[in-house]
Amino acid sequence: MQVSFNGINNVRIFKKEYAKYGAYITQDNNVKQGDKHYTVVKISCNLSDDENGMDLTEFRNALAKSGDRYESNCINHQEPDKVELILTRQDVKDTKGHVSMSDFMINNFEIMLNSKETLPMFSYIARLSRKIASLEGLNQPRKDCINLINKSAEDEAVKFIESI
């Protein structure tokens, strides 16, 4: 799907789901075995600055606020305007409840929310996903994929903020 809106171009959305048997840690820190359900969502797009928005500049500013490590590793040096955002979400349900863990990558570099410095990247992920979800002509299954990214970023940010 190719769409253009407010400096976001060539949007492509992919989703893959699968289950894998393995060990996991429950909320009460017990190790159990069972099925982990994985959902991988990938959004690929090109960003630009134009009269409708400064999407590329916002991306670079979020990287700069998050530190040199992200600024140097999250830019695709062959295509500096290209952003590939990947969410890998693991969901485990057991008798005690539901546990979700989310991992994010931008341009094949893992984004870890382990310090306040990284919060601007998660804010940017949420903003970008909301903008893409509002694109005209986007069907509901694609919007659902994007909303999963947004919800997962929000959940991770809330977990981090509650832990500090």
N, C-alpha and C. Protein backbone atom coordinates (compact mmCIF):
# COMPACT_ATOMS: atom_id res chain seq x y z
N MET A 1 0.84 -1.17 0.00
CA MET A 1 0.00 0.00 0.00
C MET A 1 0.88 1.23 0.00
N GLN A 2 0.66 2.16 -0.91
CA GLN A 2 1.43 3.39 -0.99
C GLN A 2 0.50 4.57 -0.73
N VAL A 3 0.83 5.35 0.28
CA VAL A 3 -0.01 6.47 0.67
C VAL A 3 0.89 7.64 1.02
N SER A 4 0.40 8.84 0.85
CA SER A 4 1.16 10.02 1.24
C SER A 4 0.27 10.92 2.10
N PHE A 5 0.79 11.35 3.25
CA PHE A 5 0.01 12.20 4.14
C PHE A 5 0.97 12.87 5.11
N ASN A 6 0.97 14.20 5.13
CA ASN A 6 1.77 14.95 6.10
C ASN A 6 3.22 14.48 6.20
N GLY A 7 3.89 14.31 5.08
CA GLY A 7 5.30 13.95 5.12
C GLY A 7 5.58 12.49 5.41
N ILE A 8 4.57 11.65 5.39
CA ILE A 8 4.75 10.21 5.57
C ILE A 8 4.37 9.56 4.26
N ASN A 9 5.33 8.92 3.60
CA ASN A 9 5.11 8.37 2.26
C ASN A 9 5.46 6.88 2.21
N ASN A 10 4.96 6.22 1.18
CA ASN A 10 5.31 4.82 0.91
C ASN A 10 5.12 3.92 2.13
N VAL A 11 3.97 4.02 2.74
CA VAL A 11 3.68 3.25 3.95
C VAL A 11 3.39 1.80 3.57
N ARG A 12 4.08 0.91 4.27
CA ARG A 12 3.84 -0.53 4.11
C ARG A 12 3.67 -1.12 5.50
N ILE A 13 2.68 -1.99 5.63
CA ILE A 13 2.38 -2.58 6.93
C ILE A 13 2.33 -4.10 6.77
N PHE A 14 3.06 -4.79 7.64
CA PHE A 14 3.11 -6.25 7.62
C PHE A 14 2.80 -6.79 9.01
N LYS A 15 2.18 -7.96 9.06
CA LYS A 15 1.88 -8.59 10.34
C LYS A 15 2.07 -10.09 10.22
N LYS A 16 2.67 -10.67 11.26
CA LYS A 16 2.85 -12.12 11.32
C LYS A 16 2.53 -12.55 12.74
N GLU A 17 1.80 -13.65 12.87
CA GLU A 17 1.48 -14.21 14.18
C GLU A 17 1.88 -15.67 14.21
N TYR A 18 2.39 -16.11 15.36
CA TYR A 18 2.74 -17.51 15.53
C TYR A 18 2.83 -17.83 17.02
N ALA A 19 2.80 -19.10 17.34
CA ALA A 19 2.95 -19.57 18.72
C ALA A 19 4.21 -20.42 18.81
N LYS A 20 4.83 -20.37 19.96
CA LYS A 20 6.07 -21.12 20.16
C LYS A 20 6.06 -21.64 21.60
N TYR A 21 6.33 -22.91 21.76
CA TYR A 21 6.38 -23.50 23.09
C TYR A 21 7.70 -23.14 23.74
N GLY A 22 7.66 -22.75 25.00
CA GLY A 22 8.89 -22.42 25.69
C GLY A 22 8.64 -22.04 27.13
N ALA A 23 9.69 -21.63 27.80
CA ALA A 23 9.61 -21.21 29.20
C ALA A 23 9.36 -19.71 29.26
N TYR A 24 8.68 -19.31 30.32
CA TYR A 24 8.44 -17.89 30.55
C TYR A 24 8.34 -17.65 32.04
N ILE A 25 8.47 -16.41 32.43
CA ILE A 25 8.40 -16.03 33.84
C ILE A 25 7.06 -15.36 34.08
N THR A 26 6.33 -15.84 35.07
CA THR A 26 5.02 -15.27 35.39
C THR A 26 5.18 -13.97 36.17
N GLN A 27 4.05 -13.29 36.41
CA GLN A 27 4.08 -12.03 37.15
C GLN A 27 4.57 -12.21 38.58
N ASP A 28 4.41 -13.41 39.14
CA ASP A 28 4.91 -13.66 40.49
C ASP A 28 6.28 -14.33 40.47
N ASN A 29 7.02 -14.16 39.37
CA ASN A 29 8.41 -14.61 39.20
C ASN A 29 8.60 -16.12 39.26
N ASN A 30 7.63 -16.88 38.85
CA ASN A 30 7.78 -18.32 38.72
C ASN A 30 8.06 -18.66 37.26
N VAL A 31 8.90 -19.66 37.06
CA VAL A 31 9.19 -20.11 35.70
C VAL A 31 8.18 -21.19 35.33
N LYS A 32 7.52 -21.01 34.19
CA LYS A 32 6.54 -21.98 33.70
C LYS A 32 6.84 -22.29 32.25
N GLN A 33 6.21 -23.34 31.76
CA GLN A 33 6.34 -23.68 30.35
C GLN A 33 4.97 -23.64 29.71
N GLY A 34 4.94 -23.28 28.46
CA GLY A 34 3.68 -23.22 27.73
C GLY A 34 3.85 -22.47 26.43
N ASP A 35 2.73 -22.17 25.80
CA ASP A 35 2.76 -21.45 24.53
C ASP A 35 2.90 -19.95 24.76
N LYS A 36 3.83 -19.38 24.02
CA LYS A 36 3.94 -17.93 23.95
C LYS A 36 3.41 -17.56 22.57
N HIS A 37 2.51 -16.64 22.53
CA HIS A 37 1.95 -16.18 21.27
C HIS A 37 2.66 -14.90 20.86
N TYR A 38 3.23 -14.93 19.66
CA TYR A 38 3.99 -13.80 19.15
C TYR A 38 3.20 -13.09 18.07
N THR A 39 3.29 -11.77 18.09
CA THR A 39 2.75 -10.94 17.02
C THR A 39 3.88 -10.00 16.60
N VAL A 40 4.21 -10.03 15.33
CA VAL A 40 5.23 -9.14 14.79
C VAL A 40 4.54 -8.20 13.81
N VAL A 41 4.68 -6.90 14.05
CA VAL A 41 4.12 -5.90 13.16
C VAL A 41 5.27 -5.02 12.69
N LYS A 42 5.33 -4.82 11.39
CA LYS A 42 6.37 -3.98 10.80
C LYS A 42 5.71 -2.88 9.98
N ILE A 43 6.13 -1.66 10.23
CA ILE A 43 5.70 -0.52 9.43
C ILE A 43 6.95 0.06 8.79
N SER A 44 6.89 0.22 7.50
CA SER A 44 7.98 0.82 6.75
C SER A 44 7.43 2.06 6.06
N CYS A 45 8.15 3.18 6.15
CA CYS A 45 7.70 4.40 5.49
C CYS A 45 8.89 5.33 5.28
N ASN A 46 8.67 6.33 4.44
CA ASN A 46 9.64 7.39 4.22
C ASN A 46 9.07 8.66 4.82
N LEU A 47 9.92 9.41 5.51
CA LEU A 47 9.51 10.65 6.15
C LEU A 47 10.09 11.84 5.40
N SER A 48 9.37 12.94 5.41
CA SER A 48 9.88 14.17 4.81
C SER A 48 9.35 15.36 5.59
N ASP A 49 9.95 16.50 5.34
CA ASP A 49 9.47 17.77 5.88
C ASP A 49 8.79 18.51 4.74
N ASP A 50 7.58 18.97 4.98
CA ASP A 50 6.88 19.74 3.95
C ASP A 50 5.91 20.71 4.63
N GLU A 51 5.09 21.37 3.83
CA GLU A 51 4.17 22.37 4.38
C GLU A 51 3.15 21.77 5.35
N ASN A 52 2.95 20.47 5.30
CA ASN A 52 1.98 19.82 6.17
C ASN A 52 2.57 19.28 7.47
N GLY A 53 3.87 19.27 7.58
CA GLY A 53 4.47 18.74 8.81
C GLY A 53 5.97 18.53 8.67
N MET A 54 6.62 18.41 9.80
CA MET A 54 8.08 18.23 9.85
C MET A 54 8.39 16.82 10.38
N ASP A 55 7.88 15.82 9.68
CA ASP A 55 7.98 14.45 10.18
C ASP A 55 9.41 13.95 10.27
N LEU A 56 10.24 14.25 9.29
CA LEU A 56 11.64 13.81 9.32
C LEU A 56 12.39 14.51 10.45
N THR A 57 12.16 15.80 10.61
CA THR A 57 12.81 16.56 11.68
C THR A 57 12.37 16.05 13.05
N GLU A 58 11.07 15.75 13.21
CA GLU A 58 10.58 15.21 14.49
C GLU A 58 11.27 13.89 14.82
N PHE A 59 11.46 13.03 13.82
CA PHE A 59 12.15 11.76 14.02
C PHE A 59 13.59 12.00 14.49
N ARG A 60 14.29 12.87 13.80
CA ARG A 60 15.69 13.15 14.16
C ARG A 60 15.79 13.81 15.54
N ASN A 61 14.85 14.69 15.87
CA ASN A 61 14.85 15.32 17.19
C ASN A 61 14.64 14.29 18.30
N ALA A 62 13.73 13.35 18.08
CA ALA A 62 13.50 12.29 19.08
C ALA A 62 14.76 11.45 19.27
N LEU A 63 15.44 11.15 18.17
CA LEU A 63 16.70 10.40 18.27
C LEU A 63 17.74 11.18 19.06
N ALA A 64 17.87 12.48 18.75
CA ALA A 64 18.86 13.31 19.43
C ALA A 64 18.58 13.39 20.93
N LYS A 65 17.31 13.51 21.31
CA LYS A 65 16.94 13.57 22.73
C LYS A 65 17.21 12.25 23.44
N SER A 66 17.22 11.16 22.71
CA SER A 66 17.39 9.83 23.31
C SER A 66 18.84 9.42 23.45
N GLY A 67 19.75 10.22 22.93
CA GLY A 67 21.17 9.95 23.13
C GLY A 67 21.90 9.54 21.86
N ASP A 68 23.23 9.66 21.91
CA ASP A 68 24.09 9.39 20.76
C ASP A 68 23.92 7.97 20.22
N ARG A 69 23.72 7.03 21.11
CA ARG A 69 23.60 5.62 20.69
C ARG A 69 22.44 5.45 19.71
N TYR A 70 21.31 6.06 20.01
CA TYR A 70 20.15 5.94 19.13
C TYR A 70 20.32 6.80 17.88
N GLU A 71 20.87 7.98 18.07
CA GLU A 71 21.05 8.89 16.92
C GLU A 71 21.96 8.26 15.87
N SER A 72 22.99 7.56 16.29
CA SER A 72 23.91 6.97 15.32
C SER A 72 23.44 5.63 14.76
N ASN A 73 22.63 4.89 15.51
CA ASN A 73 22.24 3.54 15.08
C ASN A 73 20.86 3.42 14.45
N CYS A 74 19.99 4.39 14.67
CA CYS A 74 18.61 4.28 14.18
C CYS A 74 18.39 4.95 12.83
N ILE A 75 19.42 5.52 12.26
CA ILE A 75 19.28 6.14 10.94
C ILE A 75 19.79 5.16 9.89
N ASN A 76 18.99 4.94 8.88
CA ASN A 76 19.38 4.10 7.75
C ASN A 76 20.29 4.95 6.87
N HIS A 77 21.58 4.64 6.84
CA HIS A 77 22.54 5.50 6.15
C HIS A 77 22.41 5.45 4.64
N GLN A 78 21.83 4.38 4.08
CA GLN A 78 21.59 4.32 2.64
C GLN A 78 20.34 5.12 2.27
N GLU A 79 19.34 5.13 3.13
CA GLU A 79 18.10 5.88 2.91
C GLU A 79 17.76 6.63 4.20
N PRO A 80 18.35 7.81 4.43
CA PRO A 80 18.18 8.52 5.70
C PRO A 80 16.75 8.92 6.04
N ASP A 81 15.87 8.94 5.04
CA ASP A 81 14.47 9.31 5.31
C ASP A 81 13.59 8.09 5.59
N LYS A 82 14.17 6.90 5.53
CA LYS A 82 13.39 5.67 5.70
C LYS A 82 13.34 5.25 7.17
N VAL A 83 12.15 4.86 7.60
CA VAL A 83 11.96 4.36 8.96
C VAL A 83 11.26 3.01 8.88
N GLU A 84 11.86 2.01 9.50
CA GLU A 84 11.23 0.70 9.66
C GLU A 84 11.04 0.48 11.16
N LEU A 85 9.80 0.46 11.56
CA LEU A 85 9.44 0.25 12.95
C LEU A 85 8.91 -1.16 13.10
N ILE A 86 9.52 -1.93 13.99
CA ILE A 86 9.11 -3.32 14.20
C ILE A 86 8.74 -3.52 15.66
N LEU A 87 7.56 -4.06 15.87
CA LEU A 87 7.10 -4.47 17.19
C LEU A 87 7.07 -5.99 17.22
N THR A 88 7.71 -6.58 18.22
CA THR A 88 7.57 -8.01 18.49
C THR A 88 6.93 -8.12 19.86
N ARG A 89 5.71 -8.59 19.87
CA ARG A 89 4.94 -8.69 21.12
C ARG A 89 4.75 -10.15 21.48
N GLN A 90 5.02 -10.48 22.75
CA GLN A 90 4.82 -11.83 23.27
C GLN A 90 3.69 -11.78 24.28
N ASP A 91 2.71 -12.62 24.09
CA ASP A 91 1.59 -12.71 25.02
C ASP A 91 1.53 -14.11 25.60
N VAL A 92 1.40 -14.19 26.92
CA VAL A 92 1.28 -15.46 27.61
C VAL A 92 0.08 -15.36 28.54
N LYS A 93 -0.80 -16.34 28.44
CA LYS A 93 -1.94 -16.41 29.35
C LYS A 93 -1.79 -17.67 30.18
N ASP A 94 -1.94 -17.50 31.49
CA ASP A 94 -1.94 -18.67 32.36
C ASP A 94 -3.04 -18.48 33.40
N THR A 95 -3.06 -19.35 34.40
CA THR A 95 -4.14 -19.31 35.39
C THR A 95 -4.11 -18.04 36.24
N LYS A 96 -2.96 -17.37 36.31
CA LYS A 96 -2.85 -16.16 37.12
C LYS A 96 -3.15 -14.90 36.33
N GLY A 97 -3.27 -15.00 35.02
CA GLY A 97 -3.57 -13.80 34.24
C GLY A 97 -2.85 -13.78 32.91
N HIS A 98 -2.71 -12.59 32.40
CA HIS A 98 -2.15 -12.36 31.08
C HIS A 98 -0.89 -11.51 31.22
N VAL A 99 0.18 -11.92 30.57
CA VAL A 99 1.44 -11.17 30.58
C VAL A 99 1.79 -10.83 29.14
N SER A 100 2.15 -9.57 28.92
CA SER A 100 2.59 -9.13 27.59
C SER A 100 3.95 -8.48 27.72
N MET A 101 4.80 -8.75 26.76
CA MET A 101 6.10 -8.11 26.67
C MET A 101 6.27 -7.62 25.24
N SER A 102 6.79 -6.43 25.09
CA SER A 102 6.94 -5.85 23.76
C SER A 102 8.38 -5.41 23.54
N ASP A 103 8.90 -5.72 22.38
CA ASP A 103 10.22 -5.26 21.95
C ASP A 103 10.04 -4.41 20.71
N PHE A 104 10.76 -3.30 20.65
CA PHE A 104 10.67 -2.40 19.52
C PHE A 104 12.03 -2.26 18.85
N MET A 105 12.01 -2.15 17.54
CA MET A 105 13.22 -1.87 16.78
C MET A 105 12.90 -0.76 15.78
N ILE A 106 13.87 0.12 15.60
CA ILE A 106 13.79 1.12 14.54
C ILE A 106 15.01 0.93 13.66
N ASN A 107 14.75 0.68 12.39
CA ASN A 107 15.82 0.44 11.42
C ASN A 107 16.82 -0.60 11.94
N ASN A 108 16.28 -1.71 12.44
CA ASN A 108 17.05 -2.86 12.92
C ASN A 108 17.90 -2.58 14.16
N PHE A 109 17.55 -1.55 14.93
CA PHE A 109 18.24 -1.29 16.19
C PHE A 109 17.20 -1.31 17.31
N GLU A 110 17.46 -2.13 18.34
CA GLU A 110 16.49 -2.30 19.42
C GLU A 110 16.37 -1.03 20.26
N ILE A 111 15.13 -0.64 20.50
CA ILE A 111 14.84 0.52 21.33
C ILE A 111 14.45 -0.01 22.71
N MET A 112 15.27 0.27 23.69
CA MET A 112 15.04 -0.25 25.05
C MET A 112 14.61 0.90 25.95
N LEU A 113 13.51 0.73 26.61
CA LEU A 113 13.03 1.73 27.55
C LEU A 113 13.57 1.38 28.93
N ASN A 114 14.84 1.76 29.14
CA ASN A 114 15.49 1.45 30.41
C ASN A 114 16.03 2.70 31.10
N SER A 115 15.71 3.87 30.54
CA SER A 115 16.09 5.13 31.18
C SER A 115 15.14 6.22 30.71
N LYS A 116 15.06 7.30 31.49
CA LYS A 116 14.21 8.43 31.11
C LYS A 116 14.63 9.01 29.77
N GLU A 117 15.90 8.87 29.45
CA GLU A 117 16.44 9.41 28.20
C GLU A 117 15.74 8.82 26.97
N THR A 118 15.25 7.60 27.08
CA THR A 118 14.64 6.91 25.94
C THR A 118 13.15 7.23 25.78
N LEU A 119 12.54 7.86 26.76
CA LEU A 119 11.11 8.18 26.67
C LEU A 119 10.74 8.97 25.41
N PRO A 120 11.57 9.92 24.94
CA PRO A 120 11.20 10.63 23.70
C PRO A 120 11.02 9.69 22.50
N MET A 121 11.77 8.59 22.45
CA MET A 121 11.59 7.65 21.33
C MET A 121 10.23 6.97 21.42
N PHE A 122 9.80 6.63 22.62
CA PHE A 122 8.50 5.99 22.77
C PHE A 122 7.37 6.98 22.51
N SER A 123 7.57 8.24 22.88
CA SER A 123 6.59 9.27 22.52
C SER A 123 6.51 9.41 21.01
N TYR A 124 7.67 9.37 20.35
CA TYR A 124 7.68 9.48 18.89
C TYR A 124 6.99 8.28 18.25
N ILE A 125 7.26 7.08 18.73
CA ILE A 125 6.61 5.87 18.19
C ILE A 125 5.09 6.01 18.31
N ALA A 126 4.62 6.49 19.45
CA ALA A 126 3.17 6.67 19.64
C ALA A 126 2.62 7.72 18.67
N ARG A 127 3.33 8.85 18.53
CA ARG A 127 2.87 9.91 17.60
C ARG A 127 2.84 9.42 16.17
N LEU A 128 3.91 8.76 15.74
CA LEU A 128 3.99 8.26 14.36
C LEU A 128 2.88 7.24 14.10
N SER A 129 2.67 6.33 15.04
CA SER A 129 1.64 5.32 14.82
C SER A 129 0.25 5.95 14.77
N ARG A 130 0.00 6.96 15.60
CA ARG A 130 -1.31 7.64 15.53
C ARG A 130 -1.50 8.34 14.19
N LYS A 131 -0.44 8.98 13.69
CA LYS A 131 -0.54 9.67 12.40
C LYS A 131 -0.81 8.68 11.27
N ILE A 132 -0.10 7.57 11.28
CA ILE A 132 -0.29 6.58 10.22
C ILE A 132 -1.69 5.96 10.32
N ALA A 133 -2.16 5.71 11.53
CA ALA A 133 -3.50 5.12 11.71
C ALA A 133 -4.60 6.04 11.19
N SER A 134 -4.32 7.34 11.13
CA SER A 134 -5.34 8.29 10.67
C SER A 134 -5.32 8.49 9.15
N LEU A 135 -4.46 7.78 8.44
CA LEU A 135 -4.39 7.92 6.99
C LEU A 135 -5.71 7.52 6.34
N GLU A 136 -6.11 8.28 5.36
CA GLU A 136 -7.31 7.93 4.60
C GLU A 136 -7.00 6.71 3.73
N GLY A 137 -8.00 5.86 3.56
CA GLY A 137 -7.85 4.70 2.70
C GLY A 137 -7.20 3.50 3.36
N LEU A 138 -6.88 3.62 4.64
CA LEU A 138 -6.27 2.51 5.37
C LEU A 138 -7.39 1.60 5.87
N ASN A 139 -7.32 0.31 5.56
CA ASN A 139 -8.40 -0.59 5.99
C ASN A 139 -8.27 -0.93 7.48
N GLN A 140 -9.34 -1.47 8.05
CA GLN A 140 -9.40 -1.72 9.49
C GLN A 140 -8.33 -2.71 9.98
N PRO A 141 -8.05 -3.81 9.28
CA PRO A 141 -6.97 -4.69 9.77
C PRO A 141 -5.62 -3.98 9.86
N ARG A 142 -5.32 -3.10 8.94
CA ARG A 142 -4.05 -2.35 9.01
C ARG A 142 -4.07 -1.36 10.17
N LYS A 143 -5.22 -0.71 10.36
CA LYS A 143 -5.35 0.21 11.50
C LYS A 143 -5.17 -0.56 12.81
N ASP A 144 -5.71 -1.77 12.88
CA ASP A 144 -5.56 -2.59 14.08
C ASP A 144 -4.09 -2.91 14.36
N CYS A 145 -3.33 -3.18 13.31
CA CYS A 145 -1.88 -3.44 13.47
C CYS A 145 -1.18 -2.21 14.04
N ILE A 146 -1.50 -1.06 13.48
CA ILE A 146 -0.86 0.18 13.92
C ILE A 146 -1.28 0.50 15.35
N ASN A 147 -2.56 0.29 15.66
CA ASN A 147 -3.03 0.55 17.01
C ASN A 147 -2.38 -0.39 18.03
N LEU A 148 -2.01 -1.60 17.62
CA LEU A 148 -1.29 -2.51 18.50
C LEU A 148 0.08 -1.93 18.84
N ILE A 149 0.75 -1.34 17.86
CA ILE A 149 2.04 -0.68 18.12
C ILE A 149 1.84 0.45 19.12
N ASN A 150 0.83 1.28 18.88
CA ASN A 150 0.56 2.42 19.75
C ASN A 150 0.27 1.95 21.17
N LYS A 151 -0.59 0.95 21.32
CA LYS A 151 -0.96 0.44 22.64
C LYS A 151 0.25 -0.20 23.34
N SER A 152 1.06 -0.92 22.59
CA SER A 152 2.24 -1.57 23.18
C SER A 152 3.25 -0.53 23.65
N ALA A 153 3.45 0.53 22.87
CA ALA A 153 4.36 1.61 23.28
C ALA A 153 3.84 2.29 24.54
N GLU A 154 2.55 2.53 24.58
CA GLU A 154 1.94 3.15 25.77
C GLU A 154 2.11 2.24 26.99
N ASP A 155 1.83 0.95 26.83
CA ASP A 155 1.96 0.01 27.95
C ASP A 155 3.39 -0.03 28.49
N GLU A 156 4.37 -0.06 27.59
CA GLU A 156 5.77 -0.09 28.02
C GLU A 156 6.15 1.19 28.74
N ALA A 157 5.68 2.34 28.24
CA ALA A 157 5.98 3.62 28.88
C ALA A 157 5.35 3.69 30.27
N VAL A 158 4.11 3.25 30.40
CA VAL A 158 3.44 3.25 31.71
C VAL A 158 4.18 2.33 32.68
N LYS A 159 4.55 1.13 32.24
CA LYS A 159 5.30 0.20 33.11
C LYS A 159 6.60 0.84 33.58
N PHE A 160 7.31 1.51 32.66
CA PHE A 160 8.58 2.13 33.02
C PHE A 160 8.36 3.27 34.02
N ILE A 161 7.40 4.14 33.74
CA ILE A 161 7.14 5.28 34.61
C ILE A 161 6.73 4.82 36.00
N GLU A 162 5.92 3.78 36.08
CA GLU A 162 5.50 3.25 37.39
C GLU A 162 6.67 2.63 38.15
N SER A 163 7.71 2.22 37.44
CA SER A 163 8.85 1.58 38.11
C SER A 163 9.87 2.59 38.65
N ILE A 164 9.75 3.85 38.25
CA ILE A 164 10.73 4.84 38.74
C ILE A 164 10.21 5.64 39.91
